[in-house]
C-alpha atoms as a PDB file:
ATOM      1  CA  MET A   1      -5.113  -9.747   1.341  1.00  0.00           C
ATOM      2  CA  CYS A   2      -4.810  -6.140   2.603  1.00  0.00           C
ATOM      3  CA  THR A   3      -6.473  -2.725   2.564  1.00  0.00           C
ATOM      4  CA  SER A   4      -4.816   0.505   1.389  1.00  0.00           C
ATOM      5  CA  ILE A   5      -6.234   3.992   1.752  1.00  0.00           C
ATOM      6  CA  VAL A   6      -4.982   7.495   0.939  1.00  0.00           C
ATOM      7  CA  VAL A   7      -6.842  10.596   2.152  1.00  0.00           C
ATOM      8  CA  ASN A   8      -6.109  14.221   1.149  1.00  0.00           C
ATOM      9  CA  LYS A   9      -7.945  16.618   3.465  1.00  0.00           C
ATOM     10  CA  LYS A  10      -6.123  19.221   5.504  1.00  0.00           C
ATOM     11  CA  LYS A  11      -3.453  16.535   5.842  1.00  0.00           C
ATOM     12  CA  THR A  12      -2.332  13.703   3.601  1.00  0.00           C
ATOM     13  CA  ILE A  13      -2.913  10.540   5.599  1.00  0.00           C
ATOM     14  CA  VAL A  14      -2.073   7.068   4.327  1.00  0.00           C
ATOM     15  CA  GLY A  15      -3.336   3.864   5.908  1.00  0.00           C
ATOM     16  CA  TRP A  16      -2.401   0.234   5.393  1.00  0.00           C
ATOM     17  CA  ASN A  17      -3.609  -3.100   6.760  1.00  0.00           C
ATOM     18  CA  LEU A  18      -1.280  -6.008   6.037  1.00  0.00           C
ATOM     19  CA  ASP A  19      -3.362  -9.192   6.102  1.00  0.00           C
ATOM     20  CA  LEU A  20      -1.026 -12.185   6.080  1.00  0.00           C
ATOM     21  CA  LEU A  21      -1.296 -15.857   6.819  1.00  0.00           C
ATOM     22  CA  GLY A  22       1.626 -18.116   7.652  1.00  0.00           C
ATOM     23  CA  MET A  23       4.545 -15.851   6.565  1.00  0.00           C
ATOM     24  CA  GLU A  24       7.307 -14.504   8.800  1.00  0.00           C
ATOM     25  CA  HIS A  25       7.284 -10.704   8.961  1.00  0.00           C
ATOM     26  CA  ARG A  26       8.642  -7.811  11.022  1.00  0.00           C
ATOM     27  CA  VAL A  27       8.584  -4.028  11.278  1.00  0.00           C
ATOM     28  CA  ARG A  28      11.929  -2.339  10.968  1.00  0.00           C
ATOM     29  CA  LYS A  29      12.768   1.346  11.154  1.00  0.00           C
ATOM     30  CA  ASP A  30      15.824   3.467  10.390  1.00  0.00           C
ATOM     31  CA  GLU A  31      16.429   7.145   9.645  1.00  0.00           C
ATOM     32  CA  ARG A  32      15.080   6.731   6.083  1.00  0.00           C
ATOM     33  CA  GLY A  33      11.832   4.956   6.727  1.00  0.00           C
ATOM     34  CA  VAL A  34       9.620   2.378   8.488  1.00  0.00           C
ATOM     35  CA  TYR A  35       9.445  -0.902   6.606  1.00  0.00           C
ATOM     36  CA  ILE A  36       7.236  -3.972   6.935  1.00  0.00           C
ATOM     37  CA  GLU A  37       9.524  -6.776   5.793  1.00  0.00           C
ATOM     38  CA  VAL A  38       8.566 -10.346   4.821  1.00  0.00           C
ATOM     39  CA  TYR A  39      11.056 -13.173   4.984  1.00  0.00           C
ATOM     40  CA  ASP A  40      11.809 -15.066   1.763  1.00  0.00           C
ATOM     41  CA  MET A  41      13.831 -18.275   1.903  1.00  0.00           C
ATOM     42  CA  LYS A  42      15.940 -17.145  -1.125  1.00  0.00           C
ATOM     43  CA  GLU A  43      16.138 -13.373  -0.699  1.00  0.00           C
ATOM     44  CA  GLY A  44      15.997 -13.038   3.080  1.00  0.00           C
ATOM     45  CA  TRP A  45      14.155 -10.096   4.610  1.00  0.00           C
ATOM     46  CA  MET A  46      12.421  -8.064   1.870  1.00  0.00           C
ATOM     47  CA  PRO A  47      11.150  -4.530   2.592  1.00  0.00           C
ATOM     48  CA  LEU A  48       7.837  -4.709   0.700  1.00  0.00           C
ATOM     49  CA  PHE A  49       5.611  -2.172   2.440  1.00  0.00           C
ATOM     50  CA  GLY A  50       5.906   1.021   4.438  1.00  0.00           C
ATOM     51  CA  ALA A  51       6.807   4.718   4.456  1.00  0.00           C
ATOM     52  CA  ASN A  52      10.039   6.564   3.660  1.00  0.00           C
ATOM     53  CA  SER A  53      11.554   9.908   4.693  1.00  0.00           C
ATOM     54  CA  ARG A  54      10.786  11.409   1.269  1.00  0.00           C
ATOM     55  CA  GLY A  55       7.061  11.028   1.886  1.00  0.00           C
ATOM     56  CA  ASP A  56       6.365   7.910  -0.265  1.00  0.00           C
ATOM     57  CA  PHE A  57       4.225   5.012   0.848  1.00  0.00           C
ATOM     58  CA  VAL A  58       4.206   1.508  -0.632  1.00  0.00           C
ATOM     59  CA  GLY A  59       1.393  -0.982  -0.252  1.00  0.00           C
ATOM     60  CA  MET A  60       0.939  -4.164  -2.246  1.00  0.00           C
ATOM     61  CA  PRO A  61      -2.415  -5.932  -2.027  1.00  0.00           C
ATOM     62  CA  THR A  62      -2.892  -9.303  -3.681  1.00  0.00           C
ATOM     63  CA  CYS A  63      -5.403  -9.318  -6.585  1.00  0.00           C
ATOM     64  CA  TRP A  64      -8.205 -11.809  -6.536  1.00  0.00           C
ATOM     65  CA  PRO A  65      -9.126 -13.589  -8.729  1.00  0.00           C
ATOM     66  CA  PHE A  66      -5.568 -14.298  -9.936  1.00  0.00           C
ATOM     67  CA  ASP A  67      -4.946 -13.043 -13.503  1.00  0.00           C
ATOM     68  CA  ASP A  68      -2.409 -15.101 -15.446  1.00  0.00           C
ATOM     69  CA  ARG A  69      -1.567 -12.034 -17.570  1.00  0.00           C
ATOM     70  CA  SER A  70       0.562 -10.964 -14.555  1.00  0.00           C
ATOM     71  CA  ASP A  71       2.894 -13.962 -14.937  1.00  0.00           C
ATOM     72  CA  PRO A  72       6.367 -13.058 -16.225  1.00  0.00           C
ATOM     73  CA  LYS A  73       6.624 -13.115 -20.028  1.00  0.00           C
ATOM     74  CA  GLY A  74       9.734 -11.804 -21.765  1.00  0.00           C
ATOM     75  CA  ASP A  75      11.219  -8.439 -20.995  1.00  0.00           C
ATOM     76  CA  GLY A  76       9.375  -6.285 -18.480  1.00  0.00           C
ATOM     77  CA  GLU A  77       9.380  -4.761 -14.996  1.00  0.00           C
ATOM     78  CA  ASN A  78       8.910  -6.784 -11.819  1.00  0.00           C
ATOM     79  CA  VAL A  79       6.295  -5.125  -9.638  1.00  0.00           C
ATOM     80  CA  LEU A  80       8.074  -6.157  -6.421  1.00  0.00           C
ATOM     81  CA  LEU A  81      11.330  -4.539  -7.510  1.00  0.00           C
ATOM     82  CA  LEU A  82       9.552  -1.360  -8.584  1.00  0.00           C
ATOM     83  CA  ASP A  83       7.908  -1.145  -5.153  1.00  0.00           C
ATOM     84  CA  ILE A  84      11.151  -1.779  -3.286  1.00  0.00           C
ATOM     85  CA  ASP A  85      12.997   0.842  -5.414  1.00  0.00           C
ATOM     86  CA  LEU A  86      10.354   3.448  -4.459  1.00  0.00           C
ATOM     87  CA  LEU A  87      10.361   2.504  -0.795  1.00  0.00           C
ATOM     88  CA  LEU A  88      14.167   2.599  -0.609  1.00  0.00           C
ATOM     89  CA  GLN A  89      14.195   5.903  -2.558  1.00  0.00           C
ATOM     90  CA  LYS A  90      16.065   4.524  -5.595  1.00  0.00           C
ATOM     91  CA  LYS A  91      13.199   5.736  -7.794  1.00  0.00           C
ATOM     92  CA  THR A  92      10.540   8.456  -7.464  1.00  0.00           C
ATOM     93  CA  LEU A  93       6.802   7.831  -7.877  1.00  0.00           C
ATOM     94  CA  GLN A  94       6.893   9.587 -11.236  1.00  0.00           C
ATOM     95  CA  GLN A  95       9.771   7.396 -12.460  1.00  0.00           C
ATOM     96  CA  VAL A  96       7.835   4.297 -11.441  1.00  0.00           C
ATOM     97  CA  ARG A  97       4.804   5.719 -13.235  1.00  0.00           C
ATOM     98  CA  GLU A  98       6.782   6.246 -16.409  1.00  0.00           C
ATOM     99  CA  LEU A  99       8.111   2.705 -16.395  1.00  0.00           C
ATOM    100  CA  ALA A 100       4.655   1.253 -15.726  1.00  0.00           C
ATOM    101  CA  GLN A 101       3.174   3.264 -18.595  1.00  0.00           C
ATOM    102  CA  GLU A 102       5.954   2.417 -21.097  1.00  0.00           C
ATOM    103  CA  ARG A 103       6.752  -1.185 -20.300  1.00  0.00           C
ATOM    104  CA  PRO A 104       4.941  -4.412 -19.338  1.00  0.00           C
ATOM    105  CA  VAL A 105       4.844  -4.932 -15.560  1.00  0.00           C
ATOM    106  CA  TYR A 106       4.738  -8.491 -14.206  1.00  0.00           C
ATOM    107  CA  SER A 107       4.245 -10.094 -10.835  1.00  0.00           C
ATOM    108  CA  VAL A 108       5.599 -13.473  -9.597  1.00  0.00           C
ATOM    109  CA  PRO A 109       4.315 -16.719 -11.104  1.00  0.00           C
ATOM    110  CA  GLY A 110       0.912 -17.676  -9.844  1.00  0.00           C
ATOM    111  CA  SER A 111       0.193 -14.470  -7.864  1.00  0.00           C
ATOM    112  CA  THR A 112      -1.007 -11.021  -9.028  1.00  0.00           C
ATOM    113  CA  PHE A 113       0.538  -8.539  -6.602  1.00  0.00           C
ATOM    114  CA  MET A 114      -0.731  -5.028  -7.148  1.00  0.00           C
ATOM    115  CA  SER A 115       0.955  -1.753  -6.187  1.00  0.00           C
ATOM    116  CA  ALA A 116      -0.780   0.921  -4.100  1.00  0.00           C
ATOM    117  CA  LEU A 117       1.731   3.775  -4.153  1.00  0.00           C
ATOM    118  CA  SER A 118       1.611   7.426  -3.044  1.00  0.00           C
ATOM    119  CA  ASP A 119       4.021  10.335  -2.672  1.00  0.00           C
ATOM    120  CA  ALA A 120       4.431  13.381  -0.375  1.00  0.00           C
ATOM    121  CA  GLN A 121       1.978  15.410  -2.466  1.00  0.00           C
ATOM    122  CA  GLY A 122      -0.736  12.780  -1.996  1.00  0.00           C
ATOM    123  CA  ASN A 123      -0.638  11.581  -5.595  1.00  0.00           C
ATOM    124  CA  VAL A 124      -1.613   7.921  -6.021  1.00  0.00           C
ATOM    125  CA  LEU A 125      -0.420   5.251  -8.458  1.00  0.00           C
ATOM    126  CA  TYR A 126      -2.139   1.897  -8.755  1.00  0.00           C
ATOM    127  CA  ILE A 127      -0.422  -0.792 -10.791  1.00  0.00           C
ATOM    128  CA  VAL A 128      -2.098  -4.081 -11.675  1.00  0.00           C
ATOM    129  CA  PRO A 129       0.441  -6.295 -13.500  1.00  0.00           C
ATOM    130  CA  GLY A 130      -0.914  -7.484 -16.853  1.00  0.00           C
ATOM    131  CA  GLN A 131      -3.733  -5.008 -16.784  1.00  0.00           C
ATOM    132  CA  GLY A 132      -2.322  -1.492 -16.503  1.00  0.00           C
ATOM    133  CA  CYS A 133      -1.790   1.428 -14.183  1.00  0.00           C
ATOM    134  CA  LEU A 134      -4.049   4.128 -12.824  1.00  0.00           C
ATOM    135  CA  TYR A 135      -2.650   7.548 -11.709  1.00  0.00           C
ATOM    136  CA  GLN A 136      -4.660   9.963  -9.538  1.00  0.00           C
ATOM    137  CA  GLU A 137      -3.382  13.415  -8.791  1.00  0.00           C
ATOM    138  CA  ARG A 138      -4.126  14.172  -5.128  1.00  0.00           C
ATOM    139  CA  PRO A 139      -7.546  12.391  -4.902  1.00  0.00           C
ATOM    140  CA  GLU A 140      -9.759  13.363  -1.966  1.00  0.00           C
ATOM    141  CA  TYR A 141      -9.640   9.704  -0.963  1.00  0.00           C
ATOM    142  CA  THR A 142      -9.054   6.356  -2.558  1.00  0.00           C
ATOM    143  CA  VAL A 143      -9.229   2.716  -1.446  1.00  0.00           C
ATOM    144  CA  MET A 144      -7.729  -0.495  -2.757  1.00  0.00           C
ATOM    145  CA  THR A 145      -8.419  -3.941  -1.396  1.00  0.00           C
ATOM    146  CA  ASN A 146      -7.947  -7.253  -3.311  1.00  0.00           C
ATOM    147  CA  PHE A 147      -9.771  -6.732  -6.557  1.00  0.00           C
ATOM    148  CA  SER A 148      -8.612  -4.942  -9.686  1.00  0.00           C
ATOM    149  CA  PRO A 149      -9.835  -1.375 -10.228  1.00  0.00           C
ATOM    150  CA  PHE A 150      -9.880  -2.252 -13.951  1.00  0.00           C
ATOM    151  CA  LYS A 151     -12.344  -5.072 -13.424  1.00  0.00           C
ATOM    152  CA  GLY A 152     -14.354  -3.690 -10.552  1.00  0.00           C
ATOM    153  CA  PHE A 153     -17.359  -5.873  -9.786  1.00  0.00           C
ATOM    154  CA  ARG A 154     -17.187  -7.984 -12.919  1.00  0.00           C
ATOM    155  CA  GLU A 155     -15.346 -10.898 -11.245  1.00  0.00           C
ATOM    156  CA  THR A 156     -16.140 -12.132  -7.777  1.00  0.00           C
ATOM    157  CA  HIS A 157     -14.136 -14.134  -5.289  1.00  0.00           C
ATOM    158  CA  PRO A 158     -14.464 -14.655  -1.513  1.00  0.00           C
ATOM    159  CA  TRP A 159     -11.046 -12.990  -0.965  1.00  0.00           C
ATOM    160  CA  MET A 160     -11.564  -9.927  -3.085  1.00  0.00           C
ATOM    161  CA  GLY A 161     -12.391  -7.772  -0.058  1.00  0.00           C
ATOM    162  CA  MET A 162     -15.504  -6.081  -1.410  1.00  0.00           C
ATOM    163  CA  ASP A 163     -16.919  -5.836   2.118  1.00  0.00           C
ATOM    164  CA  ARG A 164     -13.734  -4.155   3.377  1.00  0.00           C
ATOM    165  CA  TYR A 165     -13.686  -1.863   0.343  1.00  0.00           C
ATOM    166  CA  ASN A 166     -17.291  -0.758   0.908  1.00  0.00           C
ATOM    167  CA  THR A 167     -16.749  -0.261   4.626  1.00  0.00           C
ATOM    168  CA  ALA A 168     -13.708   1.966   4.051  1.00  0.00           C
ATOM    169  CA  ARG A 169     -15.350   3.908   1.233  1.00  0.00           C
ATOM    170  CA  LYS A 170     -18.422   4.689   3.284  1.00  0.00           C
ATOM    171  CA  MET A 171     -16.342   5.883   6.286  1.00  0.00           C
ATOM    172  CA  LEU A 172     -14.154   8.061   3.991  1.00  0.00           C
ATOM    173  CA  GLU A 173     -17.187   9.560   2.200  1.00  0.00           C
ATOM    174  CA  ASN A 174     -18.348  10.857   5.563  1.00  0.00           C
ATOM    175  CA  ALA A 175     -14.906  11.988   6.808  1.00  0.00           C
ATOM    176  CA  GLY A 176     -14.397  15.591   7.761  1.00  0.00           C
ATOM    177  CA  ASP A 177     -11.629  17.927   6.653  1.00  0.00           C
ATOM    178  CA  ASP A 178      -9.767  17.286   9.921  1.00  0.00           C
ATOM    179  CA  PHE A 179      -9.292  13.575   9.141  1.00  0.00           C
ATOM    180  CA  ASP A 180      -6.178  12.514  10.985  1.00  0.00           C
ATOM    181  CA  ALA A 181      -4.177   9.470  12.112  1.00  0.00           C
ATOM    182  CA  GLU A 182      -6.679   8.502  14.786  1.00  0.00           C
ATOM    183  CA  ASP A 183      -9.511   8.578  12.240  1.00  0.00           C
ATOM    184  CA  CYS A 184      -7.410   6.499   9.884  1.00  0.00           C
ATOM    185  CA  PHE A 185      -6.909   3.829  12.517  1.00  0.00           C
ATOM    186  CA  ALA A 186     -10.664   3.701  12.952  1.00  0.00           C
ATOM    187  CA  VAL A 187     -11.056   2.898   9.292  1.00  0.00           C
ATOM    188  CA  LEU A 188      -8.331   0.286   9.401  1.00  0.00           C
ATOM    189  CA  ARG A 189      -9.901  -1.313  12.480  1.00  0.00           C
ATOM    190  CA  ALA A 190     -13.261  -1.549  10.699  1.00  0.00           C
ATOM    191  CA  ALA A 191     -11.538  -3.135   7.674  1.00  0.00           C
ATOM    192  CA  SER A 192      -9.348  -5.530   9.646  1.00  0.00           C
ATOM    193  CA  GLN A 193      -9.675  -9.334   9.451  1.00  0.00           C
ATOM    194  CA  THR A 194      -9.141 -12.433  11.587  1.00  0.00           C
ATOM    195  CA  VAL A 195      -9.534 -15.222   8.938  1.00  0.00           C
ATOM    196  CA  CYS A 196      -6.555 -14.012   6.979  1.00  0.00           C
ATOM    197  CA  PRO A 197      -5.397 -11.982   9.992  1.00  0.00           C
ATOM    198  CA  THR A 198      -4.436  -8.336   9.963  1.00  0.00           C
ATOM    199  CA  VAL A 199      -0.875  -8.549  11.335  1.00  0.00           C
ATOM    200  CA  VAL A 200       0.254  -4.937  10.920  1.00  0.00           C
ATOM    201  CA  SER A 201      -1.803  -1.734  10.706  1.00  0.00           C
ATOM    202  CA  MET A 202       0.178   1.345   9.716  1.00  0.00           C
ATOM    203  CA  VAL A 203      -0.749   5.029   9.369  1.00  0.00           C
ATOM    204  CA  PHE A 204       1.498   7.728   7.818  1.00  0.00           C
ATOM    205  CA  ASP A 205       0.888  11.394   8.577  1.00  0.00           C
ATOM    206  CA  VAL A 206       2.919  12.612   5.595  1.00  0.00           C
ATOM    207  CA  GLN A 207       3.454  16.312   6.389  1.00  0.00           C
ATOM    208  CA  ALA A 208       4.345  15.551   9.985  1.00  0.00           C
ATOM    209  CA  GLY A 209       6.684  12.763   8.826  1.00  0.00           C
ATOM    210  CA  THR A 210       5.209  10.514  11.520  1.00  0.00           C
ATOM    211  CA  VAL A 211       4.524   6.785  11.110  1.00  0.00           C
ATOM    212  CA  TYR A 212       2.223   4.967  13.542  1.00  0.00           C
ATOM    213  CA  TRP A 213       1.662   1.197  13.645  1.00  0.00           C
ATOM    214  CA  CYS A 214       0.301  -1.630  15.714  1.00  0.00           C
ATOM    215  CA  THR A 215       0.609  -5.383  15.335  1.00  0.00           C
ATOM    216  CA  ASP A 216      -1.988  -8.128  15.561  1.00  0.00           C
ATOM    217  CA  ARG A 217      -4.906  -5.694  15.943  1.00  0.00           C
ATOM    218  CA  GLN A 218      -3.603  -4.418  19.282  1.00  0.00           C
ATOM    219  CA  TRP A 219      -5.258  -1.003  18.773  1.00  0.00           C
ATOM    220  CA  ASP A 220      -4.267   0.254  22.192  1.00  0.00           C
ATOM    221  CA  ASP A 221      -0.559  -0.403  21.667  1.00  0.00           C
ATOM    222  CA  ILE A 222       0.555   2.058  19.015  1.00  0.00           C
ATOM    223  CA  HIS A 223       4.207   2.497  18.091  1.00  0.00           C
ATOM    224  CA  THR A 224       5.463   5.781  16.667  1.00  0.00           C
ATOM    225  CA  ALA A 225       8.457   6.867  14.560  1.00  0.00           C
ATOM    226  CA  VAL A 226       9.210  10.377  13.314  1.00  0.00           C
ATOM    227  CA  LEU A 227      11.172  10.359  10.080  1.00  0.00           C
ATOM    228  CA  GLN A 228      14.107  12.741   9.703  1.00  0.00           C
ATOM    229  CA  ASP A 229      13.159  14.619   6.510  1.00  0.00           C
ATOM    230  CA  VAL A 230       9.952  14.512   4.507  1.00  0.00           C
ATOM    231  CA  SER A 231      10.769  16.769   1.584  1.00  0.00           C
ATOM    232  CA  GLY A 232       8.681  15.323  -1.236  1.00  0.00           C
ATOM    233  CA  GLN A 233      11.654  15.845  -3.524  1.00  0.00           C
ATOM    234  CA  GLY A 234      13.294  13.144  -5.665  1.00  0.00           C
ATOM    235  CA  GLU A 235      16.948  12.343  -5.321  1.00  0.00           C
END
């Protein structure tokens, strides 16, 4: 599940709801970023979502319905590894974009994990393994939930998050130029879930280099981290 939003008004504000059922997770921070990590029996703690000190943000909603074109086939890029490389600053957003445009991108067998990526300039890259990638240069706002932007409304599924998508879109259509972290939390709260519960809600004020988050929809208990250097420059 999950909801990802990017807003470019006076500020670039990124929001992320991680909706997760039955998987061990944690939030970890260091001088280079704030990471939402998920525990994998084979790989250990994997930093799959979050913000880094360069100004990038990584979200990864699951696509419903599942598309078997995303299953690994031959030589290609793994969407999880691309996301981790961006989050850990091993690649820039433009490098990830080039790879996604030039080579097949796959997910893990049986699951279509999408990428909702952004950089310090507010540019957005969506990757849907097996379907393609969509790049937007500093959009006013954009939303991704659990359906493919390439398929839109053509396929339906109870988990696709169309209700969350429409709720977020409507709120962002009416947002003012002073949209800030508090406003972003209001959108995330409206798009949160309890069936597949929202376990982490995170907001990134990119220019301020400040990450805010709460766990388990505890909207009055917000944690804050200020990153050391948001330069927007690749390494």
